[in-house]
Amino acid sequence: KDIVTLLEELRNGCLKPSEVLEAYQAKSLVVDRDINAVCDYITEARQWARQLESIPVEDRGGLYGLPISVKV
């Protein structure tokens, strides 16, 4: 999905943050085989994603539920 569609579906509830996180993590493992980019995962991410699901639709911000990677 393109980013605009993904964010729209997260905000309107068609997708749950926990579902998107799981897909994101699974894909990162696949691409990591070629680019060796994953150092570690934030273990609390699943819990945080589930907590986001209780935020009312009208209070969901522009990047609601979007997983990100940070490389330092």
PDB file of N, CA and C in Angstrom:
ATOM      1  N   LYS A   1       0.850  -1.177   0.000  1.00  0.00           N
ATOM      2  CA  LYS A   1       0.000   0.000   0.000  1.00  0.00           C
ATOM      3  C   LYS A   1       0.892   1.235   0.000  1.00  0.00           C
ATOM      4  N   ASP A   2       0.420   2.266  -0.668  1.00  0.00           N
ATOM      5  CA  ASP A   2       1.159   3.513  -0.592  1.00  0.00           C
ATOM      6  C   ASP A   2       0.896   4.152   0.773  1.00  0.00           C
ATOM      7  N   ILE A   3       1.753   5.076   1.161  1.00  0.00           N
ATOM      8  CA  ILE A   3       1.695   5.655   2.501  1.00  0.00           C
ATOM      9  C   ILE A   3       0.381   6.383   2.773  1.00  0.00           C
ATOM     10  N   VAL A   4      -0.156   7.064   1.778  1.00  0.00           N
ATOM     11  CA  VAL A   4      -1.406   7.808   1.972  1.00  0.00           C
ATOM     12  C   VAL A   4      -2.550   6.844   2.283  1.00  0.00           C
ATOM     13  N   THR A   5      -2.645   5.771   1.522  1.00  0.00           N
ATOM     14  CA  THR A   5      -3.697   4.766   1.744  1.00  0.00           C
ATOM     15  C   THR A   5      -3.506   4.085   3.095  1.00  0.00           C
ATOM     16  N   LEU A   6      -2.271   3.733   3.403  1.00  0.00           N
ATOM     17  CA  LEU A   6      -1.987   3.068   4.673  1.00  0.00           C
ATOM     18  C   LEU A   6      -2.409   3.936   5.854  1.00  0.00           C
ATOM     19  N   LEU A   7      -2.034   5.206   5.835  1.00  0.00           N
ATOM     20  CA  LEU A   7      -2.395   6.105   6.933  1.00  0.00           C
ATOM     21  C   LEU A   7      -3.902   6.318   7.022  1.00  0.00           C
ATOM     22  N   GLU A   8      -4.546   6.419   5.873  1.00  0.00           N
ATOM     23  CA  GLU A   8      -6.005   6.579   5.867  1.00  0.00           C
ATOM     24  C   GLU A   8      -6.692   5.365   6.488  1.00  0.00           C
ATOM     25  N   GLU A   9      -6.240   4.168   6.116  1.00  0.00           N
ATOM     26  CA  GLU A   9      -6.847   2.946   6.639  1.00  0.00           C
ATOM     27  C   GLU A   9      -6.547   2.749   8.120  1.00  0.00           C
ATOM     28  N   LEU A  10      -5.405   3.212   8.569  1.00  0.00           N
ATOM     29  CA  LEU A  10      -5.111   3.171  10.004  1.00  0.00           C
ATOM     30  C   LEU A  10      -6.028   4.125  10.765  1.00  0.00           C
ATOM     31  N   ARG A  11      -6.141   5.349  10.277  1.00  0.00           N
ATOM     32  CA  ARG A  11      -6.954   6.351  10.982  1.00  0.00           C
ATOM     33  C   ARG A  11      -8.428   5.982  11.023  1.00  0.00           C
ATOM     34  N   ASN A  12      -8.954   5.395   9.922  1.00  0.00           N
ATOM     35  CA  ASN A  12     -10.391   5.098   9.915  1.00  0.00           C
ATOM     36  C   ASN A  12     -10.724   3.724  10.503  1.00  0.00           C
ATOM     37  N   GLY A  13      -9.717   2.960  10.892  1.00  0.00           N
ATOM     38  CA  GLY A  13      -9.957   1.689  11.566  1.00  0.00           C
ATOM     39  C   GLY A  13     -10.019   0.468  10.665  1.00  0.00           C
ATOM     40  N   CYS A  14      -9.822   0.644   9.363  1.00  0.00           N
ATOM     41  CA  CYS A  14      -9.787  -0.525   8.461  1.00  0.00           C
ATOM     42  C   CYS A  14      -8.592  -1.418   8.782  1.00  0.00           C
ATOM     43  N   LEU A  15      -7.510  -0.805   9.226  1.00  0.00           N
ATOM     44  CA  LEU A  15      -6.331  -1.545   9.667  1.00  0.00           C
ATOM     45  C   LEU A  15      -6.042  -1.186  11.108  1.00  0.00           C
ATOM     46  N   LYS A  16      -5.547  -2.151  11.854  1.00  0.00           N
ATOM     47  CA  LYS A  16      -5.152  -1.916  13.243  1.00  0.00           C
ATOM     48  C   LYS A  16      -3.640  -1.689  13.291  1.00  0.00           C
ATOM     49  N   PRO A  17      -3.168  -0.811  14.185  1.00  0.00           N
ATOM     50  CA  PRO A  17      -1.732  -0.606  14.318  1.00  0.00           C
ATOM     51  C   PRO A  17      -0.957  -1.902  14.582  1.00  0.00           C
ATOM     52  N   SER A  18      -1.537  -2.813  15.347  1.00  0.00           N
ATOM     53  CA  SER A  18      -0.842  -4.079  15.630  1.00  0.00           C
ATOM     54  C   SER A  18      -0.685  -4.926  14.371  1.00  0.00           C
ATOM     55  N   GLU A  19      -1.669  -4.905  13.479  1.00  0.00           N
ATOM     56  CA  GLU A  19      -1.575  -5.645  12.212  1.00  0.00           C
ATOM     57  C   GLU A  19      -0.491  -5.050  11.323  1.00  0.00           C
ATOM     58  N   VAL A  20      -0.464  -3.729  11.255  1.00  0.00           N
ATOM     59  CA  VAL A  20       0.533  -3.060  10.417  1.00  0.00           C
ATOM     60  C   VAL A  20       1.932  -3.286  10.980  1.00  0.00           C
ATOM     61  N   LEU A  21       2.077  -3.232  12.296  1.00  0.00           N
ATOM     62  CA  LEU A  21       3.367  -3.488  12.923  1.00  0.00           C
ATOM     63  C   LEU A  21       3.866  -4.889  12.597  1.00  0.00           C
ATOM     64  N   GLU A  22       3.002  -5.890  12.716  1.00  0.00           N
ATOM     65  CA  GLU A  22       3.403  -7.267  12.426  1.00  0.00           C
ATOM     66  C   GLU A  22       3.832  -7.428  10.973  1.00  0.00           C
ATOM     67  N   ALA A  23       3.107  -6.810  10.049  1.00  0.00           N
ATOM     68  CA  ALA A  23       3.474  -6.872   8.634  1.00  0.00           C
ATOM     69  C   ALA A  23       4.807  -6.170   8.394  1.00  0.00           C
ATOM     70  N   TYR A  24       4.988  -5.023   9.029  1.00  0.00           N
ATOM     71  CA  TYR A  24       6.219  -4.244   8.898  1.00  0.00           C
ATOM     72  C   TYR A  24       7.415  -5.053   9.415  1.00  0.00           C
ATOM     73  N   GLN A  25       7.263  -5.677  10.568  1.00  0.00           N
ATOM     74  CA  GLN A  25       8.351  -6.469  11.132  1.00  0.00           C
ATOM     75  C   GLN A  25       8.665  -7.685  10.267  1.00  0.00           C
ATOM     76  N   ALA A  26       7.640  -8.340   9.747  1.00  0.00           N
ATOM     77  CA  ALA A  26       7.861  -9.499   8.884  1.00  0.00           C
ATOM     78  C   ALA A  26       8.625  -9.095   7.620  1.00  0.00           C
ATOM     79  N   LYS A  27       8.226  -7.987   7.021  1.00  0.00           N
ATOM     80  CA  LYS A  27       8.908  -7.509   5.808  1.00  0.00           C
ATOM     81  C   LYS A  27      10.336  -7.101   6.128  1.00  0.00           C
ATOM     82  N   SER A  28      10.558  -6.509   7.286  1.00  0.00           N
ATOM     83  CA  SER A  28      11.919  -6.093   7.643  1.00  0.00           C
ATOM     84  C   SER A  28      12.854  -7.290   7.761  1.00  0.00           C
ATOM     85  N   LEU A  29      12.347  -8.418   8.221  1.00  0.00           N
ATOM     86  CA  LEU A  29      13.167  -9.625   8.293  1.00  0.00           C
ATOM     87  C   LEU A  29      13.543 -10.133   6.906  1.00  0.00           C
ATOM     88  N   VAL A  30      12.642 -10.002   5.960  1.00  0.00           N
ATOM     89  CA  VAL A  30      12.914 -10.439   4.586  1.00  0.00           C
ATOM     90  C   VAL A  30      13.990  -9.557   3.950  1.00  0.00           C
ATOM     91  N   VAL A  31      13.820  -8.246   4.013  1.00  0.00           N
ATOM     92  CA  VAL A  31      14.794  -7.356   3.378  1.00  0.00           C
ATOM     93  C   VAL A  31      16.108  -7.322   4.146  1.00  0.00           C
ATOM     94  N   ASP A  32      16.089  -7.623   5.422  1.00  0.00           N
ATOM     95  CA  ASP A  32      17.313  -7.624   6.215  1.00  0.00           C
ATOM     96  C   ASP A  32      18.305  -8.663   5.708  1.00  0.00           C
ATOM     97  N   ARG A  33      17.830  -9.721   5.121  1.00  0.00           N
ATOM     98  CA  ARG A  33      18.731 -10.750   4.576  1.00  0.00           C
ATOM     99  C   ARG A  33      19.678 -10.156   3.547  1.00  0.00           C
ATOM    100  N   ASP A  34      19.191  -9.169   2.796  1.00  0.00           N
ATOM    101  CA  ASP A  34      19.998  -8.561   1.739  1.00  0.00           C
ATOM    102  C   ASP A  34      20.772  -7.327   2.193  1.00  0.00           C
ATOM    103  N   ILE A  35      20.201  -6.557   3.113  1.00  0.00           N
ATOM    104  CA  ILE A  35      20.837  -5.280   3.452  1.00  0.00           C
ATOM    105  C   ILE A  35      21.358  -5.194   4.888  1.00  0.00           C
ATOM    106  N   ASN A  36      21.092  -6.195   5.706  1.00  0.00           N
ATOM    107  CA  ASN A  36      21.597  -6.246   7.073  1.00  0.00           C
ATOM    108  C   ASN A  36      21.340  -4.941   7.824  1.00  0.00           C
ATOM    109  N   ALA A  37      20.097  -4.524   7.875  1.00  0.00           N
ATOM    110  CA  ALA A  37      19.758  -3.237   8.478  1.00  0.00           C
ATOM    111  C   ALA A  37      19.137  -3.351   9.861  1.00  0.00           C
ATOM    112  N   VAL A  38      18.606  -4.489  10.221  1.00  0.00           N
ATOM    113  CA  VAL A  38      17.915  -4.618  11.508  1.00  0.00           C
ATOM    114  C   VAL A  38      18.922  -4.983  12.589  1.00  0.00           C
ATOM    115  N   CYS A  39      19.000  -4.104  13.584  1.00  0.00           N
ATOM    116  CA  CYS A  39      19.877  -4.385  14.735  1.00  0.00           C
ATOM    117  C   CYS A  39      19.080  -5.042  15.850  1.00  0.00           C
ATOM    118  N   ASP A  40      17.907  -4.472  16.107  1.00  0.00           N
ATOM    119  CA  ASP A  40      17.072  -4.963  17.199  1.00  0.00           C
ATOM    120  C   ASP A  40      15.671  -4.396  17.032  1.00  0.00           C
ATOM    121  N   TYR A  41      14.710  -5.008  17.676  1.00  0.00           N
ATOM    122  CA  TYR A  41      13.341  -4.506  17.686  1.00  0.00           C
ATOM    123  C   TYR A  41      13.034  -3.946  19.060  1.00  0.00           C
ATOM    124  N   ILE A  42      12.155  -2.995  19.106  1.00  0.00           N
ATOM    125  CA  ILE A  42      11.690  -2.466  20.390  1.00  0.00           C
ATOM    126  C   ILE A  42      10.660  -3.456  20.914  1.00  0.00           C
ATOM    127  N   THR A  43      10.981  -4.095  22.009  1.00  0.00           N
ATOM    128  CA  THR A  43      10.126  -5.181  22.502  1.00  0.00           C
ATOM    129  C   THR A  43       8.743  -4.697  22.924  1.00  0.00           C
ATOM    130  N   GLU A  44       8.640  -3.443  23.321  1.00  0.00           N
ATOM    131  CA  GLU A  44       7.347  -2.907  23.755  1.00  0.00           C
ATOM    132  C   GLU A  44       6.453  -2.484  22.597  1.00  0.00           C
ATOM    133  N   ALA A  45       6.939  -2.550  21.374  1.00  0.00           N
ATOM    134  CA  ALA A  45       6.204  -2.037  20.219  1.00  0.00           C
ATOM    135  C   ALA A  45       4.817  -2.672  20.073  1.00  0.00           C
ATOM    136  N   ARG A  46       4.698  -3.965  20.282  1.00  0.00           N
ATOM    137  CA  ARG A  46       3.388  -4.616  20.165  1.00  0.00           C
ATOM    138  C   ARG A  46       2.402  -4.081  21.204  1.00  0.00           C
ATOM    139  N   GLN A  47       2.882  -3.911  22.406  1.00  0.00           N
ATOM    140  CA  GLN A  47       2.033  -3.365  23.473  1.00  0.00           C
ATOM    141  C   GLN A  47       1.606  -1.944  23.111  1.00  0.00           C
ATOM    142  N   TRP A  48       2.525  -1.126  22.635  1.00  0.00           N
ATOM    143  CA  TRP A  48       2.199   0.249  22.256  1.00  0.00           C
ATOM    144  C   TRP A  48       1.187   0.272  21.111  1.00  0.00           C
ATOM    145  N   ALA A  49       1.374  -0.621  20.131  1.00  0.00           N
ATOM    146  CA  ALA A  49       0.448  -0.685  18.998  1.00  0.00           C
ATOM    147  C   ALA A  49      -0.959  -1.050  19.470  1.00  0.00           C
ATOM    148  N   ARG A  50      -1.059  -1.999  20.388  1.00  0.00           N
ATOM    149  CA  ARG A  50      -2.372  -2.377  20.921  1.00  0.00           C
ATOM    150  C   ARG A  50      -3.010  -1.232  21.700  1.00  0.00           C
ATOM    151  N   GLN A  51      -2.206  -0.475  22.433  1.00  0.00           N
ATOM    152  CA  GLN A  51      -2.733   0.669  23.184  1.00  0.00           C
ATOM    153  C   GLN A  51      -3.275   1.741  22.241  1.00  0.00           C
ATOM    154  N   LEU A  52      -2.626   1.921  21.105  1.00  0.00           N
ATOM    155  CA  LEU A  52      -3.099   2.908  20.122  1.00  0.00           C
ATOM    156  C   LEU A  52      -4.514   2.599  19.645  1.00  0.00           C
ATOM    157  N   GLU A  53      -4.862   1.326  19.610  1.00  0.00           N
ATOM    158  CA  GLU A  53      -6.159   0.915  19.080  1.00  0.00           C
ATOM    159  C   GLU A  53      -7.330   1.432  19.909  1.00  0.00           C
ATOM    160  N   SER A  54      -7.051   1.859  21.137  1.00  0.00           N
ATOM    161  CA  SER A  54      -8.129   2.379  21.979  1.00  0.00           C
ATOM    162  C   SER A  54      -8.341   3.889  21.798  1.00  0.00           C
ATOM    163  N   ILE A  55      -7.514   4.533  20.990  1.00  0.00           N
ATOM    164  CA  ILE A  55      -7.671   5.974  20.747  1.00  0.00           C
ATOM    165  C   ILE A  55      -8.870   6.186  19.821  1.00  0.00           C
ATOM    166  N   PRO A  56      -9.802   7.053  20.213  1.00  0.00           N
ATOM    167  CA  PRO A  56     -10.966   7.311  19.350  1.00  0.00           C
ATOM    168  C   PRO A  56     -10.540   7.861  17.981  1.00  0.00           C
ATOM    169  N   VAL A  57     -11.296   7.526  16.956  1.00  0.00           N
ATOM    170  CA  VAL A  57     -10.972   7.923  15.584  1.00  0.00           C
ATOM    171  C   VAL A  57     -10.738   9.427  15.486  1.00  0.00           C
ATOM    172  N   GLU A  58     -11.564  10.217  16.144  1.00  0.00           N
ATOM    173  CA  GLU A  58     -11.451  11.674  16.041  1.00  0.00           C
ATOM    174  C   GLU A  58     -10.181  12.221  16.699  1.00  0.00           C
ATOM    175  N   ASP A  59      -9.508  11.420  17.520  1.00  0.00           N
ATOM    176  CA  ASP A  59      -8.288  11.862  18.197  1.00  0.00           C
ATOM    177  C   ASP A  59      -7.016  11.307  17.565  1.00  0.00           C
ATOM    178  N   ARG A  60      -7.138  10.583  16.463  1.00  0.00           N
ATOM    179  CA  ARG A  60      -5.980   9.974  15.824  1.00  0.00           C
ATOM    180  C   ARG A  60      -5.259  11.005  14.961  1.00  0.00           C
ATOM    181  N   GLY A  61      -3.972  11.153  15.201  1.00  0.00           N
ATOM    182  CA  GLY A  61      -3.169  12.133  14.485  1.00  0.00           C
ATOM    183  C   GLY A  61      -2.773  11.674  13.090  1.00  0.00           C
ATOM    184  N   GLY A  62      -2.035  12.528  12.417  1.00  0.00           N
ATOM    185  CA  GLY A  62      -1.660  12.298  11.031  1.00  0.00           C
ATOM    186  C   GLY A  62      -0.810  11.064  10.783  1.00  0.00           C
ATOM    187  N   LEU A  63       0.022  10.678  11.736  1.00  0.00           N
ATOM    188  CA  LEU A  63       0.880   9.501  11.574  1.00  0.00           C
ATOM    189  C   LEU A  63       0.451   8.352  12.482  1.00  0.00           C
ATOM    190  N   TYR A  64      -0.797   8.388  12.915  1.00  0.00           N
ATOM    191  CA  TYR A  64      -1.354   7.379  13.824  1.00  0.00           C
ATOM    192  C   TYR A  64      -1.057   5.961  13.345  1.00  0.00           C
ATOM    193  N   GLY A  65      -0.392   5.172  14.191  1.00  0.00           N
ATOM    194  CA  GLY A  65      -0.188   3.753  13.949  1.00  0.00           C
ATOM    195  C   GLY A  65       0.909   3.402  12.970  1.00  0.00           C
ATOM    196  N   LEU A  66       1.605   4.381  12.425  1.00  0.00           N
ATOM    197  CA  LEU A  66       2.635   4.118  11.409  1.00  0.00           C
ATOM    198  C   LEU A  66       3.921   3.670  12.081  1.00  0.00           C
ATOM    199  N   PRO A  67       4.374   2.439  11.813  1.00  0.00           N
ATOM    200  CA  PRO A  67       5.661   2.006  12.375  1.00  0.00           C
ATOM    201  C   PRO A  67       6.808   2.678  11.627  1.00  0.00           C
ATOM    202  N   ILE A  68       7.878   2.936  12.334  1.00  0.00           N
ATOM    203  CA  ILE A  68       9.069   3.528  11.716  1.00  0.00           C
ATOM    204  C   ILE A  68      10.310   2.762  12.150  1.00  0.00           C
ATOM    205  N   SER A  69      11.356   2.922  11.376  1.00  0.00           N
ATOM    206  CA  SER A  69      12.665   2.368  11.742  1.00  0.00           C
ATOM    207  C   SER A  69      13.613   3.522  11.984  1.00  0.00           C
ATOM    208  N   VAL A  70      14.483   3.315  12.947  1.00  0.00           N
ATOM    209  CA  VAL A  70      15.502   4.311  13.248  1.00  0.00           C
ATOM    210  C   VAL A  70      16.846   3.593  13.219  1.00  0.00           C
ATOM    211  N   LYS A  71      17.753   4.125  12.441  1.00  0.00           N
ATOM    212  CA  LYS A  71      19.100   3.543  12.380  1.00  0.00           C
ATOM    213  C   LYS A  71      20.063   4.593  12.900  1.00  0.00           C
ATOM    214  N   VAL A  72      20.823   4.210  13.904  1.00  0.00           N
ATOM    215  CA  VAL A  72      21.783   5.164  14.476  1.00  0.00           C
ATOM    216  C   VAL A  72      23.201   4.693  14.245  1.00  0.00           C
TER     217      VAL A  72
END
